[in-house]
Amino acid sequence: MNCNLARMLLAFPKADLAAEDRAGLHAHVAGCPHCARAASAESALHIAFAAAMQSVPVPAGLHAKLLRDGFAVRGAKHRRTLYRWSAMAAAVLLAISVGFGGYLHTRPEIDTGAEAFRVEQEWEGRSGPVREWLVAQDLPESLPVEFDYRHYVAHGWGELAGRRVPMVVFHGQFTNAFGVVETHTARVYIADSTTFKNIDKLGDAQSSLVRLTVKFDPARPKLAYVIVFTSETLDPFLKRFKAPDA
């Protein structure tokens, strides 16, 4: 440790110094007469200050007054903090109340009839592209049975008896009588007498896994709708409800 550092450390109370600084200062002062005199003078100054402070009489009640003033300042600070937070909380509650009140006034009413019609139109909207495509093929826009278009998946061309014909596909998952969910498919092939012979003699048929039914359009007797499906009946693919008569 050099003299400059020692002189700087002498200005601090020894209790405030780290242990290693106290040890280094003590060792330096012990071997340096100049710093030893400075240390002695610094010690004498501290002793004089302490004596002067102790000789000053303390006014009666000063200790209690200092405590009261300290608590008053702390209490005022706490009250200001409490008031500030209370005001903020009140503002937040007011904003929530106003917003919730506005929300309550703007809540819509449910028109069950309109909602049922909206959902049905949403489902029926899926039939639009199919109808347009059928008309583009010079076919009736509607199929001969009322399919539920929630189960519609695709339309295009499929193979029937080795020939390419228009086809609409439905697919869905249904719960059987035993509560088991099953997956089934229904394909509607549209055949005409210019492509196949004996259209009018087609009839229903089935195998171990597939069933086939034939539907005709009275307005277009030369068309046959060959529906191939995997469920027990075609009912799961059909609309459950019919629109009431106007």
C-alpha atoms as a PDB file:
ATOM      1  CA  MET A   1       0.000   0.000   0.000  1.00  0.00           C
ATOM      2  CA  ASN A   2       1.373   3.468  -0.840  1.00  0.00           C
ATOM      3  CA  CYS A   3       1.010   6.719   1.096  1.00  0.00           C
ATOM      4  CA  ASN A   4      -1.726   8.199  -1.126  1.00  0.00           C
ATOM      5  CA  LEU A   5      -4.014   5.217  -0.606  1.00  0.00           C
ATOM      6  CA  ALA A   6      -3.213   5.169   3.116  1.00  0.00           C
ATOM      7  CA  ARG A   7      -4.072   8.878   3.510  1.00  0.00           C
ATOM      8  CA  MET A   8      -7.373   8.307   1.688  1.00  0.00           C
ATOM      9  CA  LEU A   9      -8.311   5.342   3.898  1.00  0.00           C
ATOM     10  CA  LEU A  10      -7.477   7.264   7.064  1.00  0.00           C
ATOM     11  CA  ALA A  11     -10.444   9.562   6.370  1.00  0.00           C
ATOM     12  CA  PHE A  12     -12.867   6.642   6.796  1.00  0.00           C
ATOM     13  CA  PRO A  13     -13.898   5.145  10.133  1.00  0.00           C
ATOM     14  CA  LYS A  14     -12.049   1.891  10.652  1.00  0.00           C
ATOM     15  CA  ALA A  15     -15.341   0.056  11.113  1.00  0.00           C
ATOM     16  CA  ASP A  16     -16.335   0.950   7.545  1.00  0.00           C
ATOM     17  CA  LEU A  17     -13.199  -0.544   5.999  1.00  0.00           C
ATOM     18  CA  ALA A  18     -12.879  -4.093   4.741  1.00  0.00           C
ATOM     19  CA  ALA A  19     -10.733  -6.403   6.848  1.00  0.00           C
ATOM     20  CA  GLU A  20      -7.938  -6.537   4.279  1.00  0.00           C
ATOM     21  CA  ASP A  21      -7.906  -2.726   3.950  1.00  0.00           C
ATOM     22  CA  ARG A  22      -7.671  -2.329   7.726  1.00  0.00           C
ATOM     23  CA  ALA A  23      -4.800  -4.823   7.871  1.00  0.00           C
ATOM     24  CA  GLY A  24      -2.941  -3.156   4.978  1.00  0.00           C
ATOM     25  CA  LEU A  25      -3.429   0.319   6.481  1.00  0.00           C
ATOM     26  CA  HIS A  26      -2.212  -0.846   9.898  1.00  0.00           C
ATOM     27  CA  ALA A  27       0.909  -2.430   8.368  1.00  0.00           C
ATOM     28  CA  HIS A  28       1.688   0.699   6.309  1.00  0.00           C
ATOM     29  CA  VAL A  29       1.214   3.113   9.225  1.00  0.00           C
ATOM     30  CA  ALA A  30       3.462   0.947  11.389  1.00  0.00           C
ATOM     31  CA  GLY A  31       6.325   1.305   8.890  1.00  0.00           C
ATOM     32  CA  CYS A  32       5.775   4.873   7.606  1.00  0.00           C
ATOM     33  CA  PRO A  33       6.445   7.740  10.061  1.00  0.00           C
ATOM     34  CA  HIS A  34       4.711  10.322   7.853  1.00  0.00           C
ATOM     35  CA  CYS A  35       1.491   8.303   7.629  1.00  0.00           C
ATOM     36  CA  ALA A  36       1.814   7.452  11.348  1.00  0.00           C
ATOM     37  CA  ARG A  37       1.713  11.179  12.200  1.00  0.00           C
ATOM     38  CA  ALA A  38      -1.262  11.633   9.818  1.00  0.00           C
ATOM     39  CA  ALA A  39      -3.047   8.739  11.467  1.00  0.00           C
ATOM     40  CA  SER A  40      -2.410  10.185  14.919  1.00  0.00           C
ATOM     41  CA  ALA A  41      -3.758  13.583  13.813  1.00  0.00           C
ATOM     42  CA  GLU A  42      -6.829  12.006  12.210  1.00  0.00           C
ATOM     43  CA  SER A  43      -7.492  10.032  15.406  1.00  0.00           C
ATOM     44  CA  ALA A  44      -7.169  13.156  17.538  1.00  0.00           C
ATOM     45  CA  LEU A  45      -9.607  14.990  15.252  1.00  0.00           C
ATOM     46  CA  HIS A  46     -12.203  12.221  15.589  1.00  0.00           C
ATOM     47  CA  ILE A  47     -11.783  12.241  19.377  1.00  0.00           C
ATOM     48  CA  ALA A  48     -12.257  16.015  19.465  1.00  0.00           C
ATOM     49  CA  PHE A  49     -15.384  15.855  17.318  1.00  0.00           C
ATOM     50  CA  ALA A  50     -16.846  13.117  19.501  1.00  0.00           C
ATOM     51  CA  ALA A  51     -16.178  15.087  22.667  1.00  0.00           C
ATOM     52  CA  ALA A  52     -17.713  18.222  21.190  1.00  0.00           C
ATOM     53  CA  MET A  53     -20.821  16.382  20.116  1.00  0.00           C
ATOM     54  CA  GLN A  54     -21.225  14.768  23.509  1.00  0.00           C
ATOM     55  CA  SER A  55     -20.897  18.080  25.305  1.00  0.00           C
ATOM     56  CA  VAL A  56     -23.879  19.599  23.478  1.00  0.00           C
ATOM     57  CA  PRO A  57     -27.027  19.250  25.648  1.00  0.00           C
ATOM     58  CA  VAL A  58     -29.936  17.422  24.006  1.00  0.00           C
ATOM     59  CA  PRO A  59     -33.254  19.307  24.317  1.00  0.00           C
ATOM     60  CA  ALA A  60     -35.927  17.534  26.309  1.00  0.00           C
ATOM     61  CA  GLY A  61     -38.352  15.581  24.143  1.00  0.00           C
ATOM     62  CA  LEU A  62     -36.140  15.746  21.022  1.00  0.00           C
ATOM     63  CA  HIS A  63     -35.972  11.969  20.694  1.00  0.00           C
ATOM     64  CA  ALA A  64     -39.747  11.590  20.896  1.00  0.00           C
ATOM     65  CA  LYS A  65     -40.242  14.514  18.488  1.00  0.00           C
ATOM     66  CA  LEU A  66     -37.870  12.957  15.946  1.00  0.00           C
ATOM     67  CA  LEU A  67     -39.773   9.677  16.184  1.00  0.00           C
ATOM     68  CA  ARG A  68     -43.142  11.447  15.790  1.00  0.00           C
ATOM     69  CA  ASP A  69     -41.903  13.451  12.810  1.00  0.00           C
ATOM     70  CA  GLY A  70     -40.430  10.343  11.220  1.00  0.00           C
ATOM     71  CA  PHE A  71     -43.665   8.413  11.626  1.00  0.00           C
ATOM     72  CA  ALA A  72     -45.656  11.388  10.342  1.00  0.00           C
ATOM     73  CA  VAL A  73     -43.524  11.630   7.197  1.00  0.00           C
ATOM     74  CA  ARG A  74     -43.767   7.881   6.666  1.00  0.00           C
ATOM     75  CA  GLY A  75     -47.522   7.923   7.278  1.00  0.00           C
ATOM     76  CA  ALA A  76     -48.027  10.799   4.829  1.00  0.00           C
ATOM     77  CA  LYS A  77     -46.005   8.933   2.234  1.00  0.00           C
ATOM     78  CA  HIS A  78     -48.041   5.773   2.782  1.00  0.00           C
ATOM     79  CA  ARG A  79     -51.288   7.729   2.593  1.00  0.00           C
ATOM     80  CA  ARG A  80     -50.242   9.372  -0.688  1.00  0.00           C
ATOM     81  CA  THR A  81     -49.385   5.941  -2.080  1.00  0.00           C
ATOM     82  CA  LEU A  82     -52.698   4.535  -0.846  1.00  0.00           C
ATOM     83  CA  TYR A  83     -54.660   7.453  -2.313  1.00  0.00           C
ATOM     84  CA  ARG A  84     -52.852   7.095  -5.638  1.00  0.00           C
ATOM     85  CA  TRP A  85     -53.554   3.374  -5.858  1.00  0.00           C
ATOM     86  CA  SER A  86     -57.148   3.888  -4.702  1.00  0.00           C
ATOM     87  CA  ALA A  87     -57.686   6.467  -7.445  1.00  0.00           C
ATOM     88  CA  MET A  88     -56.189   4.157 -10.046  1.00  0.00           C
ATOM     89  CA  ALA A  89     -58.357   1.257  -8.849  1.00  0.00           C
ATOM     90  CA  ALA A  90     -61.465   3.448  -8.950  1.00  0.00           C
ATOM     91  CA  ALA A  91     -60.640   4.542 -12.499  1.00  0.00           C
ATOM     92  CA  VAL A  92     -60.141   0.941 -13.598  1.00  0.00           C
ATOM     93  CA  LEU A  93     -63.407  -0.146 -11.965  1.00  0.00           C
ATOM     94  CA  LEU A  94     -65.211   2.761 -13.609  1.00  0.00           C
ATOM     95  CA  ALA A  95     -63.811   1.823 -17.016  1.00  0.00           C
ATOM     96  CA  ILE A  96     -64.811  -1.804 -16.491  1.00  0.00           C
ATOM     97  CA  SER A  97     -68.286  -0.802 -15.349  1.00  0.00           C
ATOM     98  CA  VAL A  98     -68.814   1.508 -18.322  1.00  0.00           C
ATOM     99  CA  GLY A  99     -67.470  -1.095 -20.737  1.00  0.00           C
ATOM    100  CA  PHE A 100     -69.565  -3.890 -19.225  1.00  0.00           C
ATOM    101  CA  GLY A 101     -72.621  -1.659 -19.218  1.00  0.00           C
ATOM    102  CA  GLY A 102     -72.065  -0.921 -22.897  1.00  0.00           C
ATOM    103  CA  TYR A 103     -71.554  -4.624 -23.539  1.00  0.00           C
ATOM    104  CA  LEU A 104     -74.846  -5.439 -21.819  1.00  0.00           C
ATOM    105  CA  HIS A 105     -76.687  -2.876 -23.943  1.00  0.00           C
ATOM    106  CA  THR A 106     -75.182  -4.163 -27.198  1.00  0.00           C
ATOM    107  CA  ARG A 107     -75.832  -7.885 -26.611  1.00  0.00           C
ATOM    108  CA  PRO A 108     -77.794  -9.321 -29.546  1.00  0.00           C
ATOM    109  CA  GLU A 109     -80.942 -11.366 -29.191  1.00  0.00           C
ATOM    110  CA  ILE A 110     -81.034 -14.847 -30.711  1.00  0.00           C
ATOM    111  CA  ASP A 111     -83.665 -15.356 -33.384  1.00  0.00           C
ATOM    112  CA  THR A 112     -83.882 -19.152 -33.399  1.00  0.00           C
ATOM    113  CA  GLY A 113     -85.762 -19.292 -36.673  1.00  0.00           C
ATOM    114  CA  ALA A 114     -83.275 -17.021 -38.413  1.00  0.00           C
ATOM    115  CA  GLU A 115     -80.339 -18.950 -36.937  1.00  0.00           C
ATOM    116  CA  ALA A 116     -81.698 -22.292 -38.150  1.00  0.00           C
ATOM    117  CA  PHE A 117     -82.229 -20.803 -41.614  1.00  0.00           C
ATOM    118  CA  ARG A 118     -78.708 -19.305 -41.614  1.00  0.00           C
ATOM    119  CA  VAL A 119     -77.061 -22.630 -40.758  1.00  0.00           C
ATOM    120  CA  GLU A 120     -79.157 -24.455 -43.351  1.00  0.00           C
ATOM    121  CA  GLN A 121     -78.207 -21.911 -45.994  1.00  0.00           C
ATOM    122  CA  GLU A 122     -74.562 -22.341 -45.004  1.00  0.00           C
ATOM    123  CA  TRP A 123     -74.835 -26.083 -45.580  1.00  0.00           C
ATOM    124  CA  GLU A 124     -76.850 -25.657 -48.745  1.00  0.00           C
ATOM    125  CA  GLY A 125     -74.244 -23.234 -50.022  1.00  0.00           C
ATOM    126  CA  ARG A 126     -71.980 -26.239 -50.499  1.00  0.00           C
ATOM    127  CA  SER A 127     -74.404 -27.553 -53.119  1.00  0.00           C
ATOM    128  CA  GLY A 128     -73.983 -24.445 -55.291  1.00  0.00           C
ATOM    129  CA  PRO A 129     -70.818 -25.541 -57.130  1.00  0.00           C
ATOM    130  CA  VAL A 130     -72.338 -28.997 -57.706  1.00  0.00           C
ATOM    131  CA  ARG A 131     -75.507 -27.543 -59.191  1.00  0.00           C
ATOM    132  CA  GLU A 132     -73.547 -25.238 -61.469  1.00  0.00           C
ATOM    133  CA  TRP A 133     -71.341 -28.085 -62.630  1.00  0.00           C
ATOM    134  CA  LEU A 134     -74.323 -30.365 -63.365  1.00  0.00           C
ATOM    135  CA  VAL A 135     -75.998 -27.640 -65.422  1.00  0.00           C
ATOM    136  CA  ALA A 136     -72.718 -27.160 -67.325  1.00  0.00           C
ATOM    137  CA  GLN A 137     -72.898 -30.871 -68.258  1.00  0.00           C
ATOM    138  CA  ASP A 138     -76.472 -30.376 -69.556  1.00  0.00           C
ATOM    139  CA  LEU A 139     -77.885 -32.291 -66.582  1.00  0.00           C
ATOM    140  CA  PRO A 140     -80.638 -31.409 -64.072  1.00  0.00           C
ATOM    141  CA  GLU A 141     -79.250 -29.150 -61.353  1.00  0.00           C
ATOM    142  CA  SER A 142     -80.684 -31.284 -58.538  1.00  0.00           C
ATOM    143  CA  LEU A 143     -80.092 -34.924 -57.691  1.00  0.00           C
ATOM    144  CA  PRO A 144     -83.173 -37.155 -57.464  1.00  0.00           C
ATOM    145  CA  VAL A 145     -82.907 -37.523 -53.668  1.00  0.00           C
ATOM    146  CA  GLU A 146     -82.297 -34.774 -51.098  1.00  0.00           C
ATOM    147  CA  PHE A 147     -78.723 -35.316 -50.000  1.00  0.00           C
ATOM    148  CA  ASP A 148     -77.426 -33.563 -46.904  1.00  0.00           C
ATOM    149  CA  TYR A 149     -74.589 -31.469 -48.299  1.00  0.00           C
ATOM    150  CA  ARG A 150     -72.803 -31.470 -44.943  1.00  0.00           C
ATOM    151  CA  HIS A 151     -71.459 -34.809 -46.200  1.00  0.00           C
ATOM    152  CA  TYR A 152     -70.496 -33.596 -49.674  1.00  0.00           C
ATOM    153  CA  VAL A 153     -66.790 -34.014 -50.491  1.00  0.00           C
ATOM    154  CA  ALA A 154     -66.293 -33.833 -54.272  1.00  0.00           C
ATOM    155  CA  HIS A 155     -67.773 -33.883 -57.767  1.00  0.00           C
ATOM    156  CA  GLY A 156     -66.261 -34.680 -61.136  1.00  0.00           C
ATOM    157  CA  TRP A 157     -65.915 -37.750 -63.307  1.00  0.00           C
ATOM    158  CA  GLY A 158     -65.922 -41.399 -62.285  1.00  0.00           C
ATOM    159  CA  GLU A 159     -65.872 -44.796 -63.975  1.00  0.00           C
ATOM    160  CA  LEU A 160     -69.063 -46.811 -64.327  1.00  0.00           C
ATOM    161  CA  ALA A 161     -69.011 -50.074 -66.297  1.00  0.00           C
ATOM    162  CA  GLY A 162     -65.819 -48.950 -67.987  1.00  0.00           C
ATOM    163  CA  ARG A 163     -67.222 -45.591 -69.082  1.00  0.00           C
ATOM    164  CA  ARG A 164     -66.442 -42.092 -67.779  1.00  0.00           C
ATOM    165  CA  VAL A 165     -69.569 -40.477 -66.323  1.00  0.00           C
ATOM    166  CA  PRO A 166     -70.441 -37.512 -64.066  1.00  0.00           C
ATOM    167  CA  MET A 167     -70.140 -38.358 -60.357  1.00  0.00           C
ATOM    168  CA  VAL A 168     -70.882 -36.705 -57.007  1.00  0.00           C
ATOM    169  CA  VAL A 169     -69.307 -38.107 -53.818  1.00  0.00           C
ATOM    170  CA  PHE A 170     -70.556 -37.924 -50.215  1.00  0.00           C
ATOM    171  CA  HIS A 171     -68.666 -39.143 -47.166  1.00  0.00           C
ATOM    172  CA  GLY A 172     -69.337 -39.110 -43.433  1.00  0.00           C
ATOM    173  CA  GLN A 173     -69.094 -40.719 -40.013  1.00  0.00           C
ATOM    174  CA  PHE A 174     -72.277 -42.067 -38.465  1.00  0.00           C
ATOM    175  CA  THR A 175     -73.219 -43.831 -35.229  1.00  0.00           C
ATOM    176  CA  ASN A 176     -74.930 -47.187 -35.711  1.00  0.00           C
ATOM    177  CA  ALA A 177     -77.601 -48.790 -33.507  1.00  0.00           C
ATOM    178  CA  PHE A 178     -74.921 -50.150 -31.174  1.00  0.00           C
ATOM    179  CA  GLY A 179     -73.350 -46.746 -30.587  1.00  0.00           C
ATOM    180  CA  VAL A 180     -70.321 -47.480 -32.765  1.00  0.00           C
ATOM    181  CA  VAL A 181     -69.075 -44.742 -35.096  1.00  0.00           C
ATOM    182  CA  GLU A 182     -68.697 -45.966 -38.661  1.00  0.00           C
ATOM    183  CA  THR A 183     -67.329 -44.284 -41.787  1.00  0.00           C
ATOM    184  CA  HIS A 184     -69.365 -44.585 -44.982  1.00  0.00           C
ATOM    185  CA  THR A 185     -69.301 -43.292 -48.553  1.00  0.00           C
ATOM    186  CA  ALA A 186     -71.989 -42.719 -51.161  1.00  0.00           C
ATOM    187  CA  ARG A 187     -71.216 -42.136 -54.852  1.00  0.00           C
ATOM    188  CA  VAL A 188     -73.826 -40.898 -57.309  1.00  0.00           C
ATOM    189  CA  TYR A 189     -73.047 -41.889 -60.930  1.00  0.00           C
ATOM    190  CA  ILE A 190     -75.158 -40.288 -63.653  1.00  0.00           C
ATOM    191  CA  ALA A 191     -75.706 -42.570 -66.664  1.00  0.00           C
ATOM    192  CA  ASP A 192     -77.632 -41.848 -69.870  1.00  0.00           C
ATOM    193  CA  SER A 193     -79.006 -43.981 -72.675  1.00  0.00           C
ATOM    194  CA  THR A 194     -76.522 -42.611 -75.211  1.00  0.00           C
ATOM    195  CA  THR A 195     -73.693 -44.232 -73.249  1.00  0.00           C
ATOM    196  CA  PHE A 196     -75.416 -47.364 -71.869  1.00  0.00           C
ATOM    197  CA  LYS A 197     -78.220 -49.583 -73.127  1.00  0.00           C
ATOM    198  CA  ASN A 198     -81.215 -50.799 -71.152  1.00  0.00           C
ATOM    199  CA  ILE A 199     -81.035 -47.855 -68.760  1.00  0.00           C
ATOM    200  CA  ASP A 200     -84.693 -48.276 -67.864  1.00  0.00           C
ATOM    201  CA  LYS A 201     -84.122 -51.866 -66.702  1.00  0.00           C
ATOM    202  CA  LEU A 202     -81.533 -51.077 -64.047  1.00  0.00           C
ATOM    203  CA  GLY A 203     -82.468 -52.196 -60.531  1.00  0.00           C
ATOM    204  CA  ASP A 204     -81.140 -52.271 -56.997  1.00  0.00           C
ATOM    205  CA  ALA A 205     -78.347 -54.673 -56.024  1.00  0.00           C
ATOM    206  CA  GLN A 206     -75.935 -55.395 -53.196  1.00  0.00           C
ATOM    207  CA  SER A 207     -72.803 -57.300 -52.213  1.00  0.00           C
ATOM    208  CA  SER A 208     -71.391 -58.108 -48.779  1.00  0.00           C
ATOM    209  CA  LEU A 209     -70.017 -54.574 -48.330  1.00  0.00           C
ATOM    210  CA  VAL A 210     -71.735 -52.361 -50.906  1.00  0.00           C
ATOM    211  CA  ARG A 211     -75.315 -51.573 -51.819  1.00  0.00           C
ATOM    212  CA  LEU A 212     -76.583 -50.030 -55.025  1.00  0.00           C
ATOM    213  CA  THR A 213     -79.853 -48.286 -55.764  1.00  0.00           C
ATOM    214  CA  VAL A 214     -81.057 -46.651 -58.970  1.00  0.00           C
ATOM    215  CA  LYS A 215     -83.125 -43.470 -59.120  1.00  0.00           C
ATOM    216  CA  PHE A 216     -84.742 -41.907 -62.164  1.00  0.00           C
ATOM    217  CA  ASP A 217     -85.713 -38.356 -63.056  1.00  0.00           C
ATOM    218  CA  PRO A 218     -89.277 -38.321 -64.451  1.00  0.00           C
ATOM    219  CA  ALA A 219     -88.433 -35.221 -66.480  1.00  0.00           C
ATOM    220  CA  ARG A 220     -85.395 -36.918 -68.023  1.00  0.00           C
ATOM    221  CA  PRO A 221     -86.314 -40.602 -68.589  1.00  0.00           C
ATOM    222  CA  LYS A 222     -83.064 -41.275 -70.437  1.00  0.00           C
ATOM    223  CA  LEU A 223     -81.049 -40.546 -67.288  1.00  0.00           C
ATOM    224  CA  ALA A 224     -80.350 -42.983 -64.459  1.00  0.00           C
ATOM    225  CA  TYR A 225     -78.726 -42.089 -61.144  1.00  0.00           C
ATOM    226  CA  VAL A 226     -76.764 -45.098 -59.937  1.00  0.00           C
ATOM    227  CA  ILE A 227     -76.061 -44.593 -56.222  1.00  0.00           C
ATOM    228  CA  VAL A 228     -73.456 -46.869 -54.660  1.00  0.00           C
ATOM    229  CA  PHE A 229     -73.123 -46.674 -50.867  1.00  0.00           C
ATOM    230  CA  THR A 230     -71.561 -48.591 -47.964  1.00  0.00           C
ATOM    231  CA  SER A 231     -74.083 -47.912 -45.186  1.00  0.00           C
ATOM    232  CA  GLU A 232     -77.094 -50.160 -44.381  1.00  0.00           C
ATOM    233  CA  THR A 233     -79.408 -47.637 -45.992  1.00  0.00           C
ATOM    234  CA  LEU A 234     -79.009 -44.348 -47.806  1.00  0.00           C
ATOM    235  CA  ASP A 235     -80.774 -42.501 -44.972  1.00  0.00           C
ATOM    236  CA  PRO A 236     -77.627 -41.244 -43.149  1.00  0.00           C
ATOM    237  CA  PHE A 237     -76.717 -39.224 -46.253  1.00  0.00           C
ATOM    238  CA  LEU A 238     -80.141 -37.629 -46.667  1.00  0.00           C
ATOM    239  CA  LYS A 239     -81.706 -34.562 -45.097  1.00  0.00           C
ATOM    240  CA  ARG A 240     -83.451 -35.381 -41.847  1.00  0.00           C
ATOM    241  CA  PHE A 241     -86.001 -32.575 -42.070  1.00  0.00           C
ATOM    242  CA  LYS A 242     -88.010 -31.243 -44.941  1.00  0.00           C
ATOM    243  CA  ALA A 243     -88.856 -27.588 -45.284  1.00  0.00           C
ATOM    244  CA  PRO A 244     -92.511 -26.819 -44.415  1.00  0.00           C
ATOM    245  CA  ASP A 245     -94.835 -26.041 -47.289  1.00  0.00           C
ATOM    246  CA  ALA A 246     -95.295 -22.351 -47.954  1.00  0.00           C
END
